[in-house]
Amino acid sequence: MSYEPDAKRYDGASFRRCGRSGIVLPPISVGLWQNFGGVNVFETGRAIVRRAFDRGVTHFDLANNYGPPYGSAEENFGEILRKDFRGLRNELLISTKAGWDMWPGPYGEGGSRKYMLASLDESLARMGLEYVDIFYSHRPTVDVPLEETMSALAQAVRQGKALYVGISSYSPERTREAAQILKNEGVPLLIHQPSYSMLNRWVEDKLLGTLEELGVGCIAFSPLAQGLLTNKYLNGVPESSRANDGLWFQKEFLSEDNLKRVHALDEIAKQRGQSLAQMAIAWVLHDRRVTSALVGARNVEQLDNSLDALKQLEYTIEELMEINRYAQDAGIDLWKDARESAA
């Protein structure tokens, strides 16, 4: 069935300035980290992308190794672009990343110029694109000089293969160094992508202040704390949940203390007339230094639920104080070691 975008997709849509750049992002962006790989149902992912665009979402976030298998999320997204979005490329903001493991051998991960640029070429081929809008260093690496990684990002811009560059999971100090190196290269740092949620608040210590000072945008990934800040675990562990795969959601996340916090936050959400997931997304966005919240979805219904968070973004002081009683570090920051080892 051919796809005809909703003619009213921008009616009432809002966008946020990304740092001090000329680009804006939707307050909620769609990430293809999970549920869009070769093991997933293609038509479900296709329906999610269509629905997101019809609701004013213009930004879709990928990485080279999203799947599984690696690369398959980009392949599927490229097929969706070919089937449904011909002639609409200029309305889309597409990002990808390189940094984590992608292929065997010493040149298949990290921050070397060889890996970063080879990976970008492969990403473009998989998606059938001439360029991406944002190309990220997906993680800091200890064994590669920061100058080499940042110069690779700058080279991608000069080659016309990326319009902007970003970094993900970098410490405040490393972020400042990266921004200076890029400035010297004549390519500004557009955006930082950190993990951030009510149960993982590390960015509030120094990172958000650093980004504001540098004029760099912020897109928060995992605002639902890998699914912990949803109704999924309020009554036990579903068989199909991430808690059973042991990779990105570890069973120790479901500690008694964490579950007490989640139940308390769920009660606050009910009082606000929101689902817990909606309140969690809205909470991340209440700090205007956060440009966008990055969400995934298993189906269109779950996507709609997340996007409906935009219907109620405001908080009273009393609500924020009550949330702060329970919005505490829950030991779920899986990216902490990579960040701190390269600091």
C-alpha atoms as a PDB file:
ATOM      1  CA  MET A   1       0.000   0.000   0.000  1.00  0.00           C
ATOM      2  CA  SER A   2       1.427   3.377  -0.995  1.00  0.00           C
ATOM      3  CA  TYR A   3       2.038   5.934   1.715  1.00  0.00           C
ATOM      4  CA  GLU A   4       0.665   9.450   1.540  1.00  0.00           C
ATOM      5  CA  PRO A   5       1.955  11.626   4.410  1.00  0.00           C
ATOM      6  CA  ASP A   6      -0.599  13.470   6.515  1.00  0.00           C
ATOM      7  CA  ALA A   7      -0.957  16.938   4.989  1.00  0.00           C
ATOM      8  CA  LYS A   8      -1.493  18.368   8.485  1.00  0.00           C
ATOM      9  CA  ARG A   9       1.604  16.771  10.001  1.00  0.00           C
ATOM     10  CA  TYR A  10       3.138  20.108  10.999  1.00  0.00           C
ATOM     11  CA  ASP A  11      -0.074  21.658  12.333  1.00  0.00           C
ATOM     12  CA  GLY A  12       0.614  22.244  16.008  1.00  0.00           C
ATOM     13  CA  ALA A  13       4.022  20.579  15.838  1.00  0.00           C
ATOM     14  CA  SER A  14       6.718  22.172  18.003  1.00  0.00           C
ATOM     15  CA  PHE A  15      10.485  22.192  17.598  1.00  0.00           C
ATOM     16  CA  ARG A  16      13.425  23.136  19.823  1.00  0.00           C
ATOM     17  CA  ARG A  17      16.602  24.946  18.847  1.00  0.00           C
ATOM     18  CA  CYS A  18      19.633  22.667  19.055  1.00  0.00           C
ATOM     19  CA  GLY A  19      22.097  24.667  21.142  1.00  0.00           C
ATOM     20  CA  ARG A  20      23.069  27.826  19.307  1.00  0.00           C
ATOM     21  CA  SER A  21      22.934  26.186  15.880  1.00  0.00           C
ATOM     22  CA  GLY A  22      20.586  26.883  13.018  1.00  0.00           C
ATOM     23  CA  ILE A  23      18.914  23.475  13.304  1.00  0.00           C
ATOM     24  CA  VAL A  24      15.813  22.537  15.288  1.00  0.00           C
ATOM     25  CA  LEU A  25      14.670  19.102  16.473  1.00  0.00           C
ATOM     26  CA  PRO A  26      11.272  17.761  17.445  1.00  0.00           C
ATOM     27  CA  PRO A  27      10.962  17.484  21.244  1.00  0.00           C
ATOM     28  CA  ILE A  28      10.558  13.717  20.799  1.00  0.00           C
ATOM     29  CA  SER A  29      12.725  11.902  18.259  1.00  0.00           C
ATOM     30  CA  VAL A  30      12.463   8.245  17.254  1.00  0.00           C
ATOM     31  CA  GLY A  31      15.401   5.900  17.776  1.00  0.00           C
ATOM     32  CA  LEU A  32      15.861   2.575  15.983  1.00  0.00           C
ATOM     33  CA  TRP A  33      18.089   0.981  18.624  1.00  0.00           C
ATOM     34  CA  GLN A  34      15.577  -1.808  19.298  1.00  0.00           C
ATOM     35  CA  ASN A  35      12.701  -3.365  17.314  1.00  0.00           C
ATOM     36  CA  PHE A  36      13.850  -2.413  13.795  1.00  0.00           C
ATOM     37  CA  GLY A  37      16.401  -5.149  13.090  1.00  0.00           C
ATOM     38  CA  GLY A  38      16.370  -8.151  10.816  1.00  0.00           C
ATOM     39  CA  VAL A  39      14.798 -10.304  13.547  1.00  0.00           C
ATOM     40  CA  ASN A  40      11.813  -7.936  13.801  1.00  0.00           C
ATOM     41  CA  VAL A  41       8.715  -7.616  11.627  1.00  0.00           C
ATOM     42  CA  PHE A  42       9.545  -5.136   8.875  1.00  0.00           C
ATOM     43  CA  GLU A  43       5.992  -3.884   8.414  1.00  0.00           C
ATOM     44  CA  THR A  44       5.708  -3.037  12.113  1.00  0.00           C
ATOM     45  CA  GLY A  45       8.803  -0.836  11.956  1.00  0.00           C
ATOM     46  CA  ARG A  46       7.554   0.682   8.733  1.00  0.00           C
ATOM     47  CA  ALA A  47       4.220   1.574  10.340  1.00  0.00           C
ATOM     48  CA  ILE A  48       6.020   3.178  13.290  1.00  0.00           C
ATOM     49  CA  VAL A  49       8.148   5.400  11.043  1.00  0.00           C
ATOM     50  CA  ARG A  50       5.120   6.430   8.994  1.00  0.00           C
ATOM     51  CA  ARG A  51       3.066   7.246  12.080  1.00  0.00           C
ATOM     52  CA  ALA A  52       5.906   9.211  13.649  1.00  0.00           C
ATOM     53  CA  PHE A  53       6.305  11.356  10.533  1.00  0.00           C
ATOM     54  CA  ASP A  54       2.547  11.918  10.334  1.00  0.00           C
ATOM     55  CA  ARG A  55       2.698  13.255  13.895  1.00  0.00           C
ATOM     56  CA  GLY A  56       5.465  15.755  13.195  1.00  0.00           C
ATOM     57  CA  VAL A  57       8.532  13.672  14.081  1.00  0.00           C
ATOM     58  CA  THR A  58      11.260  14.612  11.621  1.00  0.00           C
ATOM     59  CA  HIS A  59      14.306  13.103  13.357  1.00  0.00           C
ATOM     60  CA  PHE A  60      15.222   9.411  13.173  1.00  0.00           C
ATOM     61  CA  ASP A  61      18.291   8.165  15.024  1.00  0.00           C
ATOM     62  CA  LEU A  62      20.336   5.096  14.062  1.00  0.00           C
ATOM     63  CA  ALA A  63      23.788   3.565  14.509  1.00  0.00           C
ATOM     64  CA  ASN A  64      25.887   1.188  12.452  1.00  0.00           C
ATOM     65  CA  ASN A  65      25.350  -1.788  14.750  1.00  0.00           C
ATOM     66  CA  TYR A  66      21.654  -1.402  15.493  1.00  0.00           C
ATOM     67  CA  GLY A  67      19.770  -4.603  14.802  1.00  0.00           C
ATOM     68  CA  PRO A  68      20.201  -7.455  15.381  1.00  0.00           C
ATOM     69  CA  PRO A  69      21.989  -8.456  13.261  1.00  0.00           C
ATOM     70  CA  TYR A  70      24.370  -5.517  13.057  1.00  0.00           C
ATOM     71  CA  GLY A  71      23.505  -3.128  10.246  1.00  0.00           C
ATOM     72  CA  SER A  72      19.992  -4.465   9.738  1.00  0.00           C
ATOM     73  CA  ALA A  73      18.204  -1.470  11.308  1.00  0.00           C
ATOM     74  CA  GLU A  74      19.902   0.795   8.777  1.00  0.00           C
ATOM     75  CA  GLU A  75      19.049  -1.622   5.971  1.00  0.00           C
ATOM     76  CA  ASN A  76      15.396  -1.718   7.002  1.00  0.00           C
ATOM     77  CA  PHE A  77      15.249   2.042   7.444  1.00  0.00           C
ATOM     78  CA  GLY A  78      16.769   2.466   3.997  1.00  0.00           C
ATOM     79  CA  GLU A  79      14.039   0.234   2.572  1.00  0.00           C
ATOM     80  CA  ILE A  80      11.382   2.333   4.336  1.00  0.00           C
ATOM     81  CA  LEU A  81      12.911   5.460   2.847  1.00  0.00           C
ATOM     82  CA  ARG A  82      12.831   3.943  -0.635  1.00  0.00           C
ATOM     83  CA  LYS A  83       9.270   2.679  -0.328  1.00  0.00           C
ATOM     84  CA  ASP A  84       7.632   5.605   1.462  1.00  0.00           C
ATOM     85  CA  PHE A  85       9.783   8.722   1.609  1.00  0.00           C
ATOM     86  CA  ARG A  86      10.924   9.405  -1.943  1.00  0.00           C
ATOM     87  CA  GLY A  87      10.956  13.159  -2.426  1.00  0.00           C
ATOM     88  CA  LEU A  88      10.773  13.775   1.341  1.00  0.00           C
ATOM     89  CA  ARG A  89      14.494  13.606   2.229  1.00  0.00           C
ATOM     90  CA  ASN A  90      14.680  17.351   2.861  1.00  0.00           C
ATOM     91  CA  GLU A  91      11.996  17.040   5.544  1.00  0.00           C
ATOM     92  CA  LEU A  92      13.934  14.373   7.426  1.00  0.00           C
ATOM     93  CA  LEU A  93      16.834  14.659   9.836  1.00  0.00           C
ATOM     94  CA  ILE A  94      18.687  11.334   9.913  1.00  0.00           C
ATOM     95  CA  SER A  95      21.569  10.498  12.230  1.00  0.00           C
ATOM     96  CA  THR A  96      23.901   7.549  12.606  1.00  0.00           C
ATOM     97  CA  LYS A  97      26.894   6.661  14.757  1.00  0.00           C
ATOM     98  CA  ALA A  98      30.092   4.644  14.927  1.00  0.00           C
ATOM     99  CA  GLY A  99      32.188   3.674  17.909  1.00  0.00           C
ATOM    100  CA  TRP A 100      31.013   0.375  19.341  1.00  0.00           C
ATOM    101  CA  ASP A 101      31.897  -2.982  17.792  1.00  0.00           C
ATOM    102  CA  MET A 102      30.737  -3.544  14.222  1.00  0.00           C
ATOM    103  CA  TRP A 103      32.965  -6.061  12.398  1.00  0.00           C
ATOM    104  CA  PRO A 104      35.785  -8.469  13.430  1.00  0.00           C
ATOM    105  CA  GLY A 105      39.406  -7.477  13.762  1.00  0.00           C
ATOM    106  CA  PRO A 106      41.279  -4.464  15.123  1.00  0.00           C
ATOM    107  CA  TYR A 107      39.621  -1.938  12.787  1.00  0.00           C
ATOM    108  CA  GLY A 108      35.992  -2.796  13.574  1.00  0.00           C
ATOM    109  CA  GLU A 109      35.360  -0.582  16.598  1.00  0.00           C
ATOM    110  CA  GLY A 110      36.650   2.443  18.483  1.00  0.00           C
ATOM    111  CA  GLY A 111      37.434   5.937  17.327  1.00  0.00           C
ATOM    112  CA  SER A 112      40.138   5.598  14.682  1.00  0.00           C
ATOM    113  CA  ARG A 113      39.850   7.555  11.458  1.00  0.00           C
ATOM    114  CA  LYS A 114      39.868   4.279   9.505  1.00  0.00           C
ATOM    115  CA  TYR A 115      36.965   2.792  11.431  1.00  0.00           C
ATOM    116  CA  MET A 116      34.854   5.930  11.690  1.00  0.00           C
ATOM    117  CA  LEU A 117      34.965   6.831   7.997  1.00  0.00           C
ATOM    118  CA  ALA A 118      34.681   3.256   6.730  1.00  0.00           C
ATOM    119  CA  SER A 119      31.680   2.761   8.975  1.00  0.00           C
ATOM    120  CA  LEU A 120      30.006   5.930   7.691  1.00  0.00           C
ATOM    121  CA  ASP A 121      30.455   4.769   4.099  1.00  0.00           C
ATOM    122  CA  GLU A 122      28.800   1.466   4.962  1.00  0.00           C
ATOM    123  CA  SER A 123      25.946   3.207   6.797  1.00  0.00           C
ATOM    124  CA  LEU A 124      25.246   5.442   3.802  1.00  0.00           C
ATOM    125  CA  ALA A 125      25.224   2.417   1.497  1.00  0.00           C
ATOM    126  CA  ARG A 126      22.820   0.494   3.733  1.00  0.00           C
ATOM    127  CA  MET A 127      20.386   3.401   3.911  1.00  0.00           C
ATOM    128  CA  GLY A 128      20.817   4.443   0.290  1.00  0.00           C
ATOM    129  CA  LEU A 129      21.777   7.979   1.265  1.00  0.00           C
ATOM    130  CA  GLU A 130      24.337  10.462  -0.028  1.00  0.00           C
ATOM    131  CA  TYR A 131      24.704  12.029   3.426  1.00  0.00           C
ATOM    132  CA  VAL A 132      23.421  11.866   6.981  1.00  0.00           C
ATOM    133  CA  ASP A 133      22.397  14.966   8.860  1.00  0.00           C
ATOM    134  CA  ILE A 134      24.323  14.054  12.021  1.00  0.00           C
ATOM    135  CA  PHE A 135      27.269  11.679  12.359  1.00  0.00           C
ATOM    136  CA  TYR A 136      28.223  10.768  15.933  1.00  0.00           C
ATOM    137  CA  SER A 137      31.185   9.376  17.765  1.00  0.00           C
ATOM    138  CA  HIS A 138      29.126   6.770  19.597  1.00  0.00           C
ATOM    139  CA  ARG A 139      31.420   6.552  22.606  1.00  0.00           C
ATOM    140  CA  PRO A 140      34.713   7.889  23.927  1.00  0.00           C
ATOM    141  CA  THR A 141      37.678   5.563  23.473  1.00  0.00           C
ATOM    142  CA  VAL A 142      40.727   5.369  25.699  1.00  0.00           C
ATOM    143  CA  ASP A 143      43.210   4.039  23.164  1.00  0.00           C
ATOM    144  CA  VAL A 144      42.565   6.541  20.353  1.00  0.00           C
ATOM    145  CA  PRO A 145      43.653  10.202  20.558  1.00  0.00           C
ATOM    146  CA  LEU A 146      40.598  12.435  20.768  1.00  0.00           C
ATOM    147  CA  GLU A 147      42.117  14.565  17.991  1.00  0.00           C
ATOM    148  CA  GLU A 148      41.958  11.604  15.606  1.00  0.00           C
ATOM    149  CA  THR A 149      38.302  10.842  16.309  1.00  0.00           C
ATOM    150  CA  MET A 150      37.222  14.473  16.043  1.00  0.00           C
ATOM    151  CA  SER A 151      39.214  15.036  12.870  1.00  0.00           C
ATOM    152  CA  ALA A 152      37.428  12.031  11.348  1.00  0.00           C
ATOM    153  CA  LEU A 153      34.076  13.654  12.156  1.00  0.00           C
ATOM    154  CA  ALA A 154      35.269  16.914  10.622  1.00  0.00           C
ATOM    155  CA  GLN A 155      36.477  15.078   7.518  1.00  0.00           C
ATOM    156  CA  ALA A 156      33.022  13.518   7.092  1.00  0.00           C
ATOM    157  CA  VAL A 157      31.550  17.026   6.988  1.00  0.00           C
ATOM    158  CA  ARG A 158      34.155  18.290   4.535  1.00  0.00           C
ATOM    159  CA  GLN A 159      33.466  15.279   2.304  1.00  0.00           C
ATOM    160  CA  GLY A 160      29.767  16.132   2.275  1.00  0.00           C
ATOM    161  CA  LYS A 161      28.826  12.838   3.933  1.00  0.00           C
ATOM    162  CA  ALA A 162      27.490  14.520   7.090  1.00  0.00           C
ATOM    163  CA  LEU A 163      26.030  17.967   7.679  1.00  0.00           C
ATOM    164  CA  TYR A 164      26.624  18.072  11.445  1.00  0.00           C
ATOM    165  CA  VAL A 165      28.555  16.074  14.027  1.00  0.00           C
ATOM    166  CA  GLY A 166      27.830  14.868  17.525  1.00  0.00           C
ATOM    167  CA  ILE A 167      29.193  12.805  20.381  1.00  0.00           C
ATOM    168  CA  SER A 168      27.538  10.339  22.749  1.00  0.00           C
ATOM    169  CA  SER A 169      28.254   9.354  26.366  1.00  0.00           C
ATOM    170  CA  TYR A 170      31.237  11.696  26.731  1.00  0.00           C
ATOM    171  CA  SER A 171      32.086  13.180  30.122  1.00  0.00           C
ATOM    172  CA  PRO A 172      31.762  16.965  30.594  1.00  0.00           C
ATOM    173  CA  GLU A 173      35.539  17.372  30.458  1.00  0.00           C
ATOM    174  CA  ARG A 174      35.918  15.218  27.349  1.00  0.00           C
ATOM    175  CA  THR A 175      33.007  17.084  25.755  1.00  0.00           C
ATOM    176  CA  ARG A 176      34.758  20.400  26.272  1.00  0.00           C
ATOM    177  CA  GLU A 177      37.968  19.054  24.710  1.00  0.00           C
ATOM    178  CA  ALA A 178      36.071  17.578  21.750  1.00  0.00           C
ATOM    179  CA  ALA A 179      34.247  20.850  21.118  1.00  0.00           C
ATOM    180  CA  GLN A 180      37.526  22.779  21.081  1.00  0.00           C
ATOM    181  CA  ILE A 181      39.206  20.363  18.679  1.00  0.00           C
ATOM    182  CA  LEU A 182      36.218  20.531  16.331  1.00  0.00           C
ATOM    183  CA  LYS A 183      36.181  24.323  16.557  1.00  0.00           C
ATOM    184  CA  ASN A 184      39.816  24.354  15.500  1.00  0.00           C
ATOM    185  CA  GLU A 185      38.793  22.159  12.551  1.00  0.00           C
ATOM    186  CA  GLY A 186      36.112  24.678  11.605  1.00  0.00           C
ATOM    187  CA  VAL A 187      33.286  22.238  12.359  1.00  0.00           C
ATOM    188  CA  PRO A 188      31.135  23.065  15.393  1.00  0.00           C
ATOM    189  CA  LEU A 189      29.914  20.356  17.740  1.00  0.00           C
ATOM    190  CA  LEU A 190      26.159  20.289  17.215  1.00  0.00           C
ATOM    191  CA  ILE A 191      24.873  17.852  19.811  1.00  0.00           C
ATOM    192  CA  HIS A 192      25.595  15.456  22.654  1.00  0.00           C
ATOM    193  CA  GLN A 193      23.580  12.268  23.174  1.00  0.00           C
ATOM    194  CA  PRO A 194      23.726  11.120  26.822  1.00  0.00           C
ATOM    195  CA  SER A 195      21.627   8.633  28.746  1.00  0.00           C
ATOM    196  CA  TYR A 196      19.241  10.586  30.980  1.00  0.00           C
ATOM    197  CA  SER A 197      16.143   9.705  32.947  1.00  0.00           C
ATOM    198  CA  MET A 198      14.534  10.170  36.338  1.00  0.00           C
ATOM    199  CA  LEU A 199      16.566   7.179  37.520  1.00  0.00           C
ATOM    200  CA  ASN A 200      19.843   8.164  35.812  1.00  0.00           C
ATOM    201  CA  ARG A 201      20.537  11.856  36.418  1.00  0.00           C
ATOM    202  CA  TRP A 202      24.300  12.107  35.899  1.00  0.00           C
ATOM    203  CA  VAL A 203      23.980  14.820  33.237  1.00  0.00           C
ATOM    204  CA  GLU A 204      22.679  17.306  35.811  1.00  0.00           C
ATOM    205  CA  ASP A 205      25.997  17.388  37.660  1.00  0.00           C
ATOM    206  CA  LYS A 206      28.110  19.176  35.023  1.00  0.00           C
ATOM    207  CA  LEU A 207      27.195  18.050  31.535  1.00  0.00           C
ATOM    208  CA  LEU A 208      24.058  20.147  30.940  1.00  0.00           C
ATOM    209  CA  GLY A 209      25.844  23.249  32.181  1.00  0.00           C
ATOM    210  CA  THR A 210      28.817  22.503  29.922  1.00  0.00           C
ATOM    211  CA  LEU A 211      26.553  22.049  26.895  1.00  0.00           C
ATOM    212  CA  GLU A 212      24.721  25.283  27.611  1.00  0.00           C
ATOM    213  CA  GLU A 213      28.013  27.169  27.904  1.00  0.00           C
ATOM    214  CA  LEU A 214      29.304  25.669  24.652  1.00  0.00           C
ATOM    215  CA  GLY A 215      26.045  26.201  22.782  1.00  0.00           C
ATOM    216  CA  VAL A 216      25.672  22.472  22.129  1.00  0.00           C
ATOM    217  CA  GLY A 217      22.319  20.689  21.969  1.00  0.00           C
ATOM    218  CA  CYS A 218      21.354  17.653  24.030  1.00  0.00           C
ATOM    219  CA  ILE A 219      19.274  14.653  22.959  1.00  0.00           C
ATOM    220  CA  ALA A 220      18.570  12.291  25.843  1.00  0.00           C
ATOM    221  CA  PHE A 221      18.502   8.573  25.134  1.00  0.00           C
ATOM    222  CA  SER A 222      16.809   5.987  27.337  1.00  0.00           C
ATOM    223  CA  PRO A 223      14.479   8.515  29.043  1.00  0.00           C
ATOM    224  CA  LEU A 224      12.367   5.510  30.079  1.00  0.00           C
ATOM    225  CA  ALA A 225      15.358   3.908  31.828  1.00  0.00           C
ATOM    226  CA  GLN A 226      15.456   0.921  29.434  1.00  0.00           C
ATOM    227  CA  GLY A 227      11.738   0.375  30.101  1.00  0.00           C
ATOM    228  CA  LEU A 228      11.878   0.577  33.898  1.00  0.00           C
ATOM    229  CA  LEU A 229       9.887   3.836  33.800  1.00  0.00           C
ATOM    230  CA  THR A 230       6.863   2.242  32.133  1.00  0.00           C
ATOM    231  CA  ASN A 231       4.020   0.085  33.403  1.00  0.00           C
ATOM    232  CA  LYS A 232       5.878  -3.000  32.166  1.00  0.00           C
ATOM    233  CA  TYR A 233       7.381  -4.024  35.501  1.00  0.00           C
ATOM    234  CA  LEU A 234       4.722  -2.798  37.910  1.00  0.00           C
ATOM    235  CA  ASN A 235       3.254  -6.294  38.237  1.00  0.00           C
ATOM    236  CA  GLY A 236       6.192  -8.620  37.666  1.00  0.00           C
ATOM    237  CA  VAL A 237       8.464  -9.400  34.721  1.00  0.00           C
ATOM    238  CA  PRO A 238       6.776 -10.188  31.372  1.00  0.00           C
ATOM    239  CA  GLU A 239       8.270 -13.053  29.377  1.00  0.00           C
ATOM    240  CA  SER A 240       8.912 -10.789  26.373  1.00  0.00           C
ATOM    241  CA  SER A 241      10.642  -8.034  28.320  1.00  0.00           C
ATOM    242  CA  ARG A 242      14.252  -6.896  28.046  1.00  0.00           C
ATOM    243  CA  ALA A 243      14.775  -8.091  31.625  1.00  0.00           C
ATOM    244  CA  ASN A 244      14.942 -11.602  30.223  1.00  0.00           C
ATOM    245  CA  ASP A 245      17.700 -10.940  27.698  1.00  0.00           C
ATOM    246  CA  GLY A 246      20.244  -9.821  30.295  1.00  0.00           C
ATOM    247  CA  LEU A 247      22.002  -7.496  27.858  1.00  0.00           C
ATOM    248  CA  TRP A 248      20.646  -3.959  28.128  1.00  0.00           C
ATOM    249  CA  PHE A 249      18.313  -4.619  31.036  1.00  0.00           C
ATOM    250  CA  GLN A 250      19.756  -6.514  33.952  1.00  0.00           C
ATOM    251  CA  LYS A 251      17.561  -8.214  36.508  1.00  0.00           C
ATOM    252  CA  GLU A 252      19.254  -6.356  39.343  1.00  0.00           C
ATOM    253  CA  PHE A 253      17.611  -3.211  37.967  1.00  0.00           C
ATOM    254  CA  LEU A 254      14.394  -4.664  39.427  1.00  0.00           C
ATOM    255  CA  SER A 255      15.614  -4.321  43.005  1.00  0.00           C
ATOM    256  CA  GLU A 256      13.105  -3.743  45.773  1.00  0.00           C
ATOM    257  CA  ASP A 257      14.230  -0.122  46.171  1.00  0.00           C
ATOM    258  CA  ASN A 258      13.944   0.581  42.445  1.00  0.00           C
ATOM    259  CA  LEU A 259      10.482  -0.963  42.211  1.00  0.00           C
ATOM    260  CA  LYS A 260       9.316   1.112  45.188  1.00  0.00           C
ATOM    261  CA  ARG A 261      10.513   4.244  43.382  1.00  0.00           C
ATOM    262  CA  VAL A 262       8.795   3.217  40.169  1.00  0.00           C
ATOM    263  CA  HIS A 263       5.484   2.547  41.940  1.00  0.00           C
ATOM    264  CA  ALA A 264       5.662   5.902  43.720  1.00  0.00           C
ATOM    265  CA  LEU A 265       6.404   7.706  40.459  1.00  0.00           C
ATOM    266  CA  ASP A 266       3.523   5.861  38.806  1.00  0.00           C
ATOM    267  CA  GLU A 267       1.158   7.253  41.436  1.00  0.00           C
ATOM    268  CA  ILE A 268       2.379  10.790  40.709  1.00  0.00           C
ATOM    269  CA  ALA A 269       1.836  10.182  36.999  1.00  0.00           C
ATOM    270  CA  LYS A 270      -1.748   9.057  37.645  1.00  0.00           C
ATOM    271  CA  GLN A 271      -2.393  12.249  39.592  1.00  0.00           C
ATOM    272  CA  ARG A 272      -1.157  14.205  36.550  1.00  0.00           C
ATOM    273  CA  GLY A 273      -3.411  12.213  34.233  1.00  0.00           C
ATOM    274  CA  GLN A 274      -0.450  10.642  32.440  1.00  0.00           C
ATOM    275  CA  SER A 275       1.050   7.211  32.043  1.00  0.00           C
ATOM    276  CA  LEU A 276       4.345   6.693  33.833  1.00  0.00           C
ATOM    277  CA  ALA A 277       6.153   6.677  30.476  1.00  0.00           C
ATOM    278  CA  GLN A 278       4.551   9.963  29.452  1.00  0.00           C
ATOM    279  CA  MET A 279       5.536  11.609  32.724  1.00  0.00           C
ATOM    280  CA  ALA A 280       9.105  10.306  32.415  1.00  0.00           C
ATOM    281  CA  ILE A 281       9.475  11.757  28.902  1.00  0.00           C
ATOM    282  CA  ALA A 282       7.884  15.054  29.904  1.00  0.00           C
ATOM    283  CA  TRP A 283      10.180  15.246  32.943  1.00  0.00           C
ATOM    284  CA  VAL A 284      13.317  14.915  30.794  1.00  0.00           C
ATOM    285  CA  LEU A 285      11.999  17.708  28.553  1.00  0.00           C
ATOM    286  CA  HIS A 286      11.110  20.116  31.342  1.00  0.00           C
ATOM    287  CA  ASP A 287      14.755  21.272  31.366  1.00  0.00           C
ATOM    288  CA  ARG A 288      14.979  23.481  28.280  1.00  0.00           C
ATOM    289  CA  ARG A 289      18.635  22.579  27.835  1.00  0.00           C
ATOM    290  CA  VAL A 290      17.393  19.194  26.615  1.00  0.00           C
ATOM    291  CA  THR A 291      16.627  19.600  22.924  1.00  0.00           C
ATOM    292  CA  SER A 292      14.902  16.270  22.372  1.00  0.00           C
ATOM    293  CA  ALA A 293      14.053  12.980  24.073  1.00  0.00           C
ATOM    294  CA  LEU A 294      14.881   9.868  22.086  1.00  0.00           C
ATOM    295  CA  VAL A 295      12.282   7.108  22.300  1.00  0.00           C
ATOM    296  CA  GLY A 296      11.851   3.713  20.718  1.00  0.00           C
ATOM    297  CA  ALA A 297       8.638   1.796  20.128  1.00  0.00           C
ATOM    298  CA  ARG A 298       7.510  -1.810  19.695  1.00  0.00           C
ATOM    299  CA  ASN A 299       4.369  -0.806  17.796  1.00  0.00           C
ATOM    300  CA  VAL A 300       2.319   2.204  16.734  1.00  0.00           C
ATOM    301  CA  GLU A 301       0.264   2.169  19.928  1.00  0.00           C
ATOM    302  CA  GLN A 302       3.395   2.450  22.075  1.00  0.00           C
ATOM    303  CA  LEU A 303       4.697   5.256  19.870  1.00  0.00           C
ATOM    304  CA  ASP A 304       1.442   7.184  20.200  1.00  0.00           C
ATOM    305  CA  ASN A 305       1.560   6.800  23.959  1.00  0.00           C
ATOM    306  CA  SER A 306       5.054   8.300  24.058  1.00  0.00           C
ATOM    307  CA  LEU A 307       4.218  11.161  21.695  1.00  0.00           C
ATOM    308  CA  ASP A 308       1.183  12.019  23.807  1.00  0.00           C
ATOM    309  CA  ALA A 309       3.614  13.083  26.535  1.00  0.00           C
ATOM    310  CA  LEU A 310       3.778  16.395  24.662  1.00  0.00           C
ATOM    311  CA  LYS A 311       0.199  17.132  25.688  1.00  0.00           C
ATOM    312  CA  GLN A 312       1.356  17.863  29.233  1.00  0.00           C
ATOM    313  CA  LEU A 313       4.923  19.087  29.633  1.00  0.00           C
ATOM    314  CA  GLU A 314       4.423  21.545  32.476  1.00  0.00           C
ATOM    315  CA  TYR A 315       5.117  20.732  36.110  1.00  0.00           C
ATOM    316  CA  THR A 316       4.240  22.557  39.286  1.00  0.00           C
ATOM    317  CA  ILE A 317       6.982  23.168  41.817  1.00  0.00           C
ATOM    318  CA  GLU A 318       5.160  20.802  44.157  1.00  0.00           C
ATOM    319  CA  GLU A 319       5.131  18.031  41.565  1.00  0.00           C
ATOM    320  CA  LEU A 320       8.842  18.418  40.898  1.00  0.00           C
ATOM    321  CA  MET A 321       9.596  18.304  44.615  1.00  0.00           C
ATOM    322  CA  GLU A 322       7.527  15.156  45.021  1.00  0.00           C
ATOM    323  CA  ILE A 323       9.188  13.518  42.003  1.00  0.00           C
ATOM    324  CA  ASN A 324      12.634  14.364  43.399  1.00  0.00           C
ATOM    325  CA  ARG A 325      11.882  12.211  46.441  1.00  0.00           C
ATOM    326  CA  TYR A 326      11.905   9.148  44.199  1.00  0.00           C
ATOM    327  CA  ALA A 327      13.849  10.208  41.106  1.00  0.00           C
ATOM    328  CA  GLN A 328      17.217   8.995  42.341  1.00  0.00           C
ATOM    329  CA  ASP A 329      20.119   7.064  40.865  1.00  0.00           C
ATOM    330  CA  ALA A 330      19.041   3.477  40.388  1.00  0.00           C
ATOM    331  CA  GLY A 331      22.337   1.943  39.243  1.00  0.00           C
ATOM    332  CA  ILE A 332      21.156   1.553  35.641  1.00  0.00           C
ATOM    333  CA  ASP A 333      23.782   3.657  33.841  1.00  0.00           C
ATOM    334  CA  LEU A 334      25.365   1.000  31.618  1.00  0.00           C
ATOM    335  CA  TRP A 335      27.529   3.586  29.864  1.00  0.00           C
ATOM    336  CA  LYS A 336      29.218   4.934  32.995  1.00  0.00           C
ATOM    337  CA  ASP A 337      32.376   2.823  32.741  1.00  0.00           C
ATOM    338  CA  ALA A 338      33.042   3.802  29.117  1.00  0.00           C
ATOM    339  CA  ARG A 339      32.510   7.450  29.975  1.00  0.00           C
ATOM    340  CA  GLU A 340      34.686   7.504  33.058  1.00  0.00           C
ATOM    341  CA  SER A 341      37.506   5.354  31.678  1.00  0.00           C
ATOM    342  CA  ALA A 342      38.031   7.923  28.913  1.00  0.00           C
ATOM    343  CA  ALA A 343      37.648  10.962  31.134  1.00  0.00           C
END
